[in-house]
Every structure is written in structure tokens, then in C-alpha cells.
Amino acid sequence: MKNITSKTYLKWFKDMCLWRRFEDKCRYLYFKQKIRGFLHLYNGQEAIAAGVTHAIDLNKDIVITAYRCHILAIAMGVDPKIVMAELYGKITGTSKGIGGSMHIFSKKNRFYGGYGIVGGQIPIGAGIAFADKYFGRNSVTLTFIGDGAVNQGSLHETFNIAMNWKLPVIFICENNKYAMGTSVERSTYIKKIYKIGLAYNMPSLEIDGMDPAKIASATYEAVEKARKGDGPTFLEMRTYRYRGHSVSDAENYRTKDEILKYQEKDPILKIKNMILTNKWYTEKDIKEIEYQINIKIDQCVNFAEKSDFPYIDTMYNTVYYQKDYPFVDKIINK
């Protein structure tokens, strides 16, 4: 793995500040009705995206995740301007404006979703890994799962076949403690979620999901093992989301004191304190970084605002590969 140096921490700080500001801006724009539909924010979980992308090979490894997906896409190299455009429903977006918040996608950046069905991405991630193994591409797929999705039957079917075929896939559970409004304590018999993987003799670990260095180290080991042909690993990354399940969530299932308790572990603040303590940056430097981030976010919004909405036939000519699909012809020619 690339060494974790002062430059690494400075990059993590800049990235995570950008990601947090991006999501905050999305929330604001949602209430302004610029962004419609569902909106699931990543606030609090940024250390996972930072640590994981430091550990993998961005030129050949793949990420697939659930619907809390904006930041993982940006971390994989997707331009935040086109992510914002997708949230706006504009044709310049990652899915030409017809995917929306839950379906960010970029083949170029090896980010295969943004997947809206709970647990639906789990077998797809294993399928991508199977294809890579079949064609000898030496790539590893990281399949992200929420703590609620571990109770889906598809997870167990996928774990079984992934171990049986020694697929190059890493399963990462972002355990933010709540599946929508239901806590892990109430919904899941196995409270230590990583132990689910042990039933399949899958190497399984619990990681501090608020520490990018620990995340990077564990991810690197798992990825290299998979790349050598030794099969999958299951990593439970224990984190916390500071916003509701979605923007419309009233959050009646938890207290403000609980949120404040976890905000004390905020990875952005921890890294900021490390940077200042080691005098890698001054307070003035940090204010300049925050200023430049605000400019970049404004550029994302301006790009989305000025972009066009997709034409109605976009939903047909981008969904179906077969150009003369008869059902589509009947609709268009009505």
C-alpha cells in the first residue's frame, strides 16, 4: 500500500471537507426543490471513502454500492459537477439525468452504482468479480452494503458462491447503526455483523469506520489477498451518519445527545486537529482550503443550473441496447 504520510492526511482532509460540503449543499438544494426524489447523505461516513480509495488501484479496481452513493462516486474520480447535474436531473449528469440520486454510475471511473434495491448490489458485485476472474483482469470489486442489507437472503447466497469460487470481491458493511429508522440492536440477531462472514469461513474483521488509516490498512490487505486468488473478505466498518436516513427522515428513533456523542469522533475534525498539532497547515491555510472548496461547490451548482434537461426519448435510447426494440417503437411512434 502507498505509505500514509502527512501528504496523505492533507489530501484526506481536503477531500472529506469537499465531500461534506457537497452533501450539505445537496440538502440545501433539496429544500429549495432544485433536487427532487430521494436524497441519502453521507455525512459522517467520509473516512470510509477516503481510506478505501487510498488502498485500491483506481485504474483497475471496481466499486459498487447502495443508494447512499454520491461521495463514493466522487472518491472514485467522478467529477462532482456531473454528479450534481445528475441530482438536478440534467442530461450532463452521470446517467443523463434519468438515474437521480440513487443511481450515480460511471463506467469510466469503475463505479457501477448507486443501486436502489436494498441488497440488490450484493450479487451484482460478485458477478462483476466473477467476470474479472473469468477474463483474467486481475481486478478486485468492492461491494458496499448497509447494515440493513445484511439481513437480505441475497447476501448469504452471494457469500456462499463467492467463497466456493474464490471470487476477487471484498464485501464492506458500512454499519452506521440504523437501517432507515431501525437500529441494528433491534433488527439483527448477530450484533457484531462481521461474524456473519465467519459462517462461510470468510475472513471477517471489524474496523473503526471513523479512522481512514485503519480503513486503508484493512482494505489493502483484503484487496491484495483477493488479487492473489485467495478469495473474498468481509469488513464491517463501524461508522455513524449525522443526517437522517434520507432528507425527509424526522429521526425520531435517536436523540440529539447520541448524535453529538458521535460528532466528537468526526473524522474531519480528528484529522484537522492532527494537521494543526503537527503544524502541517495553519488555521489560515485551512480557511483558504474551505474558501476554495466553496468556490468548487458553487461551480458544481452553476454547471447543473445551466445544463439542459434530457429529451424524453433519452429514457429509451439509453436503456435499451437493441435500437429497434419493438415496444419502444410503438411508444415513440404513437
Protein backbone atom coordinates (compact mmCIF):
# COMPACT_ATOMS: atom_id res chain seq x y z
CA MET A 1 0.00 0.00 0.00
CA LYS A 2 1.10 3.59 -0.57
CA ASN A 3 2.60 5.00 2.61
CA ILE A 4 0.33 7.12 4.79
CA THR A 5 2.25 10.38 5.14
CA SER A 6 1.49 13.98 6.01
CA LYS A 7 0.52 14.49 2.35
CA THR A 8 -2.00 11.67 2.70
CA TYR A 9 -3.64 13.32 5.69
CA LEU A 10 -3.72 16.66 3.92
CA LYS A 11 -5.39 15.05 0.90
CA TRP A 12 -7.88 13.24 3.13
CA PHE A 13 -8.73 16.49 4.87
CA LYS A 14 -9.32 18.36 1.60
CA ASP A 15 -11.34 15.50 0.12
CA MET A 16 -13.52 14.95 3.16
CA CYS A 17 -14.20 18.67 3.57
CA LEU A 18 -15.27 18.81 -0.09
CA TRP A 19 -17.49 15.77 0.32
CA ARG A 20 -19.14 17.11 3.48
CA ARG A 21 -19.75 20.49 1.85
CA PHE A 22 -21.13 18.80 -1.28
CA GLU A 23 -23.68 16.86 0.74
CA ASP A 24 -24.63 19.91 2.82
CA LYS A 25 -25.22 21.83 -0.39
CA CYS A 26 -27.36 18.99 -1.74
CA ARG A 27 -29.50 19.13 1.38
CA TYR A 28 -29.97 22.89 0.94
CA LEU A 29 -30.85 22.44 -2.74
CA TYR A 30 -33.35 19.71 -1.88
CA PHE A 31 -35.27 22.07 0.37
CA LYS A 32 -35.14 24.65 -2.45
CA GLN A 33 -36.72 21.95 -4.67
CA LYS A 34 -33.79 22.02 -7.08
CA ILE A 35 -33.16 18.35 -6.28
CA ARG A 36 -36.20 16.06 -6.23
CA GLY A 37 -36.99 12.48 -5.29
CA PHE A 38 -34.97 10.64 -2.65
CA LEU A 39 -31.72 12.02 -1.22
CA HIS A 40 -29.48 9.99 1.09
CA LEU A 41 -26.48 11.87 2.51
CA TYR A 42 -23.06 10.54 3.51
CA ASN A 43 -22.23 12.98 6.33
CA GLY A 44 -20.13 11.25 8.98
CA GLN A 45 -19.06 8.32 6.82
CA GLU A 46 -16.40 10.13 4.78
CA ALA A 47 -13.46 8.30 6.38
CA ILE A 48 -14.56 5.10 4.66
CA ALA A 49 -14.44 6.62 1.18
CA ALA A 50 -11.07 8.22 1.97
CA GLY A 51 -9.43 5.10 3.38
CA VAL A 52 -10.76 2.65 0.81
CA THR A 53 -9.77 4.70 -2.25
CA HIS A 54 -6.26 5.17 -0.82
CA ALA A 55 -5.85 1.38 -0.62
CA ILE A 56 -7.12 0.25 -4.02
CA ASP A 57 -5.88 0.62 -7.59
CA LEU A 58 -8.20 3.23 -9.09
CA ASN A 59 -7.14 2.16 -12.60
CA LYS A 60 -8.48 -1.37 -12.32
CA ASP A 61 -10.46 -1.96 -9.12
CA ILE A 62 -14.22 -1.50 -9.01
CA VAL A 63 -16.78 -0.17 -6.52
CA ILE A 64 -20.49 -0.88 -6.35
CA THR A 65 -22.69 0.37 -3.54
CA ALA A 66 -26.26 1.08 -2.46
CA TYR A 67 -28.17 4.34 -2.76
CA ARG A 68 -26.03 6.50 -0.40
CA CYS A 69 -23.64 6.86 -3.29
CA HIS A 70 -22.68 10.45 -4.24
CA ILE A 71 -19.45 10.58 -2.26
CA LEU A 72 -18.11 7.14 -3.16
CA ALA A 73 -18.56 8.11 -6.82
CA ILE A 74 -16.61 11.34 -6.34
CA ALA A 75 -13.94 9.46 -4.36
CA MET A 76 -13.53 7.10 -7.34
CA GLY A 77 -12.80 10.10 -9.55
CA VAL A 78 -16.21 11.06 -10.91
CA ASP A 79 -16.36 14.83 -11.49
CA PRO A 80 -18.59 16.35 -8.77
CA LYS A 81 -20.09 18.68 -11.39
CA ILE A 82 -21.66 15.78 -13.26
CA VAL A 83 -22.81 14.20 -10.01
CA MET A 84 -24.58 17.45 -9.17
CA ALA A 85 -26.06 17.57 -12.67
CA GLU A 86 -27.44 14.08 -12.18
CA LEU A 87 -29.05 15.15 -8.92
CA TYR A 88 -30.64 18.03 -10.82
CA GLY A 89 -31.95 15.58 -13.45
CA LYS A 90 -29.88 17.18 -16.22
CA ILE A 91 -28.57 15.49 -19.36
CA THR A 92 -24.95 16.31 -18.41
CA GLY A 93 -25.30 14.04 -15.36
CA THR A 94 -23.69 10.65 -14.84
CA SER A 95 -26.83 8.86 -16.07
CA LYS A 96 -28.03 11.64 -18.39
CA GLY A 97 -30.39 12.89 -15.71
CA ILE A 98 -32.63 9.83 -15.62
CA GLY A 99 -30.96 7.97 -12.74
CA GLY A 100 -31.01 10.55 -9.97
CA SER A 101 -29.50 10.42 -6.51
CA MET A 102 -29.67 6.65 -6.05
CA HIS A 103 -28.23 5.71 -9.44
CA ILE A 104 -24.92 7.52 -9.87
CA PHE A 105 -22.86 5.47 -12.35
CA SER A 106 -19.57 5.84 -14.21
CA LYS A 107 -18.05 3.06 -16.31
CA LYS A 108 -15.05 5.32 -16.98
CA ASN A 109 -14.31 5.59 -13.25
CA ARG A 110 -15.16 1.97 -12.49
CA PHE A 111 -18.09 2.98 -10.30
CA TYR A 112 -21.03 0.68 -11.06
CA GLY A 113 -23.68 2.23 -8.81
CA GLY A 114 -25.60 3.61 -6.91
CA TYR A 115 -28.14 0.77 -6.60
CA GLY A 116 -31.66 1.46 -5.37
CA ILE A 117 -32.86 -2.00 -4.27
CA VAL A 118 -31.78 -2.94 -0.73
CA GLY A 119 -29.16 -5.67 -1.06
CA GLY A 120 -29.57 -5.82 -4.84
CA GLN A 121 -25.97 -4.79 -5.43
CA ILE A 122 -24.54 -7.71 -3.43
CA PRO A 123 -24.87 -10.46 -6.09
CA ILE A 124 -24.06 -7.93 -8.82
CA GLY A 125 -20.75 -7.15 -7.11
CA ALA A 126 -19.94 -10.85 -7.01
CA GLY A 127 -20.95 -11.14 -10.67
CA ILE A 128 -18.55 -8.36 -11.66
CA ALA A 129 -15.80 -10.12 -9.70
CA PHE A 130 -16.63 -13.41 -11.46
CA ALA A 131 -16.29 -11.69 -14.85
CA ASP A 132 -12.92 -10.24 -13.86
CA LYS A 133 -11.69 -13.64 -12.72
CA TYR A 134 -13.03 -15.33 -15.85
CA PHE A 135 -11.29 -12.89 -18.17
CA GLY A 136 -8.11 -12.70 -16.07
CA ARG A 137 -8.30 -8.94 -15.50
CA ASN A 138 -6.65 -9.04 -12.03
CA SER A 139 -9.21 -6.54 -10.71
CA VAL A 140 -10.97 -6.59 -7.34
CA THR A 141 -14.55 -5.48 -6.75
CA LEU A 142 -15.50 -3.72 -3.52
CA THR A 143 -19.17 -4.30 -2.77
CA PHE A 144 -20.58 -1.88 -0.20
CA ILE A 145 -23.53 -2.95 1.94
CA GLY A 146 -25.60 -1.15 4.57
CA ASP A 147 -26.23 -2.76 7.95
CA GLY A 148 -29.88 -3.26 6.97
CA ALA A 149 -28.96 -5.19 3.82
CA VAL A 150 -27.09 -7.91 5.74
CA ASN A 151 -30.47 -9.45 6.58
CA GLN A 152 -31.27 -9.99 2.90
CA GLY A 153 -31.13 -13.55 1.64
CA SER A 154 -29.08 -12.44 -1.34
CA LEU A 155 -26.15 -11.75 0.98
CA HIS A 156 -25.99 -15.36 2.16
CA GLU A 157 -26.37 -16.78 -1.34
CA THR A 158 -23.61 -14.46 -2.55
CA PHE A 159 -21.25 -15.21 0.36
CA ASN A 160 -21.64 -18.91 -0.32
CA ILE A 161 -20.84 -18.73 -4.03
CA ALA A 162 -18.08 -16.12 -3.56
CA MET A 163 -16.26 -18.45 -1.17
CA ASN A 164 -16.97 -21.52 -3.28
CA TRP A 165 -15.44 -19.90 -6.36
CA LYS A 166 -12.86 -17.78 -4.51
CA LEU A 167 -14.05 -14.61 -6.23
CA PRO A 168 -11.94 -11.42 -6.06
CA VAL A 169 -14.55 -9.44 -4.14
CA ILE A 170 -14.44 -7.52 -0.86
CA PHE A 171 -17.72 -7.07 0.99
CA ILE A 172 -17.78 -3.88 3.06
CA CYS A 173 -20.60 -3.26 5.52
CA GLU A 174 -20.93 0.44 6.31
CA ASN A 175 -22.56 -0.10 9.69
CA ASN A 176 -23.97 3.33 10.58
CA LYS A 177 -26.15 1.69 13.25
CA TYR A 178 -29.54 2.30 11.63
CA ALA A 179 -31.36 0.66 8.75
CA MET A 180 -33.69 3.52 7.90
CA GLY A 181 -35.10 4.07 11.41
CA THR A 182 -34.45 0.63 12.89
CA SER A 183 -31.31 0.10 14.95
CA VAL A 184 -29.03 -2.90 14.49
CA GLU A 185 -29.77 -3.75 18.13
CA ARG A 186 -33.44 -4.27 17.29
CA SER A 187 -33.22 -5.82 13.84
CA THR A 188 -30.16 -8.08 13.76
CA TYR A 189 -29.57 -11.13 15.96
CA ILE A 190 -25.82 -11.09 15.27
CA LYS A 191 -24.87 -7.69 16.73
CA LYS A 192 -21.27 -7.97 15.56
CA ILE A 193 -22.13 -8.01 11.88
CA TYR A 194 -18.68 -9.13 10.71
CA LYS A 195 -19.30 -12.50 12.39
CA ILE A 196 -21.87 -13.33 9.69
CA GLY A 197 -18.98 -13.93 7.31
CA LEU A 198 -17.39 -16.45 9.67
CA ALA A 199 -20.22 -18.90 8.98
CA TYR A 200 -18.76 -19.23 5.48
CA ASN A 201 -15.16 -19.38 6.68
CA MET A 202 -14.75 -15.97 5.07
CA PRO A 203 -12.02 -13.84 6.67
CA SER A 204 -14.04 -11.18 8.51
CA LEU A 205 -12.96 -8.15 10.52
CA GLU A 206 -14.45 -5.25 12.46
CA ILE A 207 -12.85 -1.89 11.58
CA ASP A 208 -13.11 1.59 13.10
CA GLY A 209 -15.05 3.30 10.32
CA MET A 210 -14.12 6.77 11.56
CA ASP A 211 -10.37 6.29 11.02
CA PRO A 212 -9.20 6.39 7.37
CA ALA A 213 -5.77 4.98 8.21
CA LYS A 214 -7.21 1.83 9.80
CA ILE A 215 -9.68 1.52 6.92
CA ALA A 216 -6.91 1.84 4.32
CA SER A 217 -4.76 -0.78 6.01
CA ALA A 218 -7.52 -3.38 6.36
CA THR A 219 -8.79 -2.75 2.83
CA TYR A 220 -5.34 -3.08 1.29
CA GLU A 221 -4.73 -6.45 2.93
CA ALA A 222 -8.12 -7.75 1.80
CA VAL A 223 -7.67 -6.49 -1.77
CA GLU A 224 -4.19 -7.96 -2.14
CA LYS A 225 -5.41 -11.31 -0.83
CA ALA A 226 -8.25 -11.29 -3.35
CA ARG A 227 -5.89 -10.28 -6.16
CA LYS A 228 -3.69 -13.30 -5.43
CA GLY A 229 -6.69 -15.59 -5.85
CA ASP A 230 -7.36 -16.29 -2.18
CA GLY A 231 -10.98 -15.17 -2.30
CA PRO A 232 -13.19 -12.64 -0.54
CA THR A 233 -13.07 -10.81 2.79
CA PHE A 234 -15.89 -9.26 4.78
CA LEU A 235 -15.11 -5.95 6.50
CA GLU A 236 -17.57 -4.37 8.92
CA MET A 237 -16.75 -0.67 9.18
CA ARG A 238 -18.47 0.82 12.19
CA THR A 239 -19.42 4.39 11.40
CA TYR A 240 -22.25 6.85 12.01
CA ARG A 241 -24.38 9.06 9.81
CA TYR A 242 -25.03 12.56 11.13
CA ARG A 243 -28.07 13.14 8.93
CA GLY A 244 -31.25 11.09 8.71
CA HIS A 245 -31.68 8.02 6.55
CA SER A 246 -32.90 10.39 3.86
CA VAL A 247 -33.54 14.13 3.87
CA SER A 248 -37.20 13.53 4.74
CA ASP A 249 -36.32 11.47 7.83
CA ALA A 250 -37.64 13.02 11.09
CA GLU A 251 -35.07 10.97 13.09
CA ASN A 252 -37.45 10.16 15.95
CA TYR A 253 -35.56 6.94 16.66
CA ARG A 254 -32.44 8.62 18.13
CA THR A 255 -31.59 11.50 20.44
CA LYS A 256 -29.63 14.68 19.79
CA ASP A 257 -27.26 13.64 22.57
CA GLU A 258 -26.42 10.47 20.67
CA ILE A 259 -25.62 12.44 17.51
CA LEU A 260 -23.45 14.88 19.48
CA LYS A 261 -21.59 11.97 21.06
CA TYR A 262 -20.62 10.60 17.65
CA GLN A 263 -19.81 14.05 16.28
CA GLU A 264 -16.98 14.12 18.82
CA LYS A 265 -15.45 11.30 16.72
CA ASP A 266 -15.90 13.22 13.47
CA PRO A 267 -13.03 12.08 11.18
CA ILE A 268 -12.75 15.54 9.62
CA LEU A 269 -12.22 17.20 12.99
CA LYS A 270 -9.77 14.50 14.11
CA ILE A 271 -7.63 14.94 11.00
CA LYS A 272 -7.88 18.74 11.23
CA ASN A 273 -6.56 18.58 14.81
CA MET A 274 -3.74 16.27 13.71
CA ILE A 275 -2.79 18.66 10.91
CA LEU A 276 -2.74 21.67 13.23
CA THR A 277 -0.89 19.82 16.01
CA ASN A 278 1.84 18.73 13.60
CA LYS A 279 1.91 22.20 12.01
CA TRP A 280 1.39 20.80 8.51
CA TYR A 281 -1.10 23.61 7.94
CA THR A 282 -2.04 26.76 9.83
CA GLU A 283 -5.56 27.95 10.60
CA LYS A 284 -5.11 30.44 7.76
CA ASP A 285 -4.27 27.60 5.34
CA ILE A 286 -7.39 25.71 6.40
CA LYS A 287 -9.59 28.75 5.87
CA GLU A 288 -8.16 29.09 2.36
CA ILE A 289 -8.93 25.41 1.67
CA GLU A 290 -12.51 25.92 2.85
CA TYR A 291 -12.81 29.01 0.66
CA GLN A 292 -11.59 27.12 -2.42
CA ILE A 293 -14.00 24.27 -1.65
CA ASN A 294 -16.91 26.71 -1.53
CA ILE A 295 -15.89 28.01 -4.97
CA LYS A 296 -15.77 24.45 -6.32
CA ILE A 297 -19.23 23.66 -4.92
CA ASP A 298 -20.61 26.84 -6.50
CA GLN A 299 -19.11 25.72 -9.82
CA CYS A 300 -20.93 22.38 -9.48
CA VAL A 301 -24.24 24.15 -8.87
CA ASN A 302 -23.71 26.59 -11.75
CA PHE A 303 -22.90 23.71 -14.10
CA ALA A 304 -26.07 21.87 -13.09
CA GLU A 305 -28.22 25.00 -13.32
CA LYS A 306 -27.01 25.83 -16.83
CA SER A 307 -27.31 22.28 -18.17
CA ASP A 308 -30.34 21.15 -20.17
CA PHE A 309 -32.94 18.63 -19.13
CA PRO A 310 -32.87 15.40 -21.18
CA TYR A 311 -35.25 14.91 -24.10
CA ILE A 312 -38.00 12.37 -23.46
CA ASP A 313 -36.54 9.84 -25.90
CA THR A 314 -33.35 9.72 -23.79
CA MET A 315 -35.01 7.20 -21.49
CA TYR A 316 -35.46 4.86 -24.44
CA ASN A 317 -32.20 5.21 -26.34
CA THR A 318 -30.08 4.88 -23.18
CA VAL A 319 -31.91 1.97 -21.55
CA TYR A 320 -32.30 -0.48 -24.42
CA TYR A 321 -29.24 -1.70 -26.31
CA GLN A 322 -31.33 -3.03 -29.22
CA LYS A 323 -32.13 0.07 -31.28
CA ASP A 324 -35.23 -1.35 -32.99
CA TYR A 325 -36.84 -2.66 -29.80
CA PRO A 326 -40.50 -3.00 -30.91
CA PHE A 327 -42.09 -1.92 -27.63
CA VAL A 328 -40.10 1.32 -27.67
CA ASP A 329 -41.03 1.97 -31.32
CA LYS A 330 -44.72 1.69 -30.50
CA ILE A 331 -44.41 4.28 -27.71
CA ILE A 332 -42.33 6.76 -29.70
CA ASN A 333 -44.49 6.48 -32.83
CA LYS A 334 -47.86 6.82 -31.07
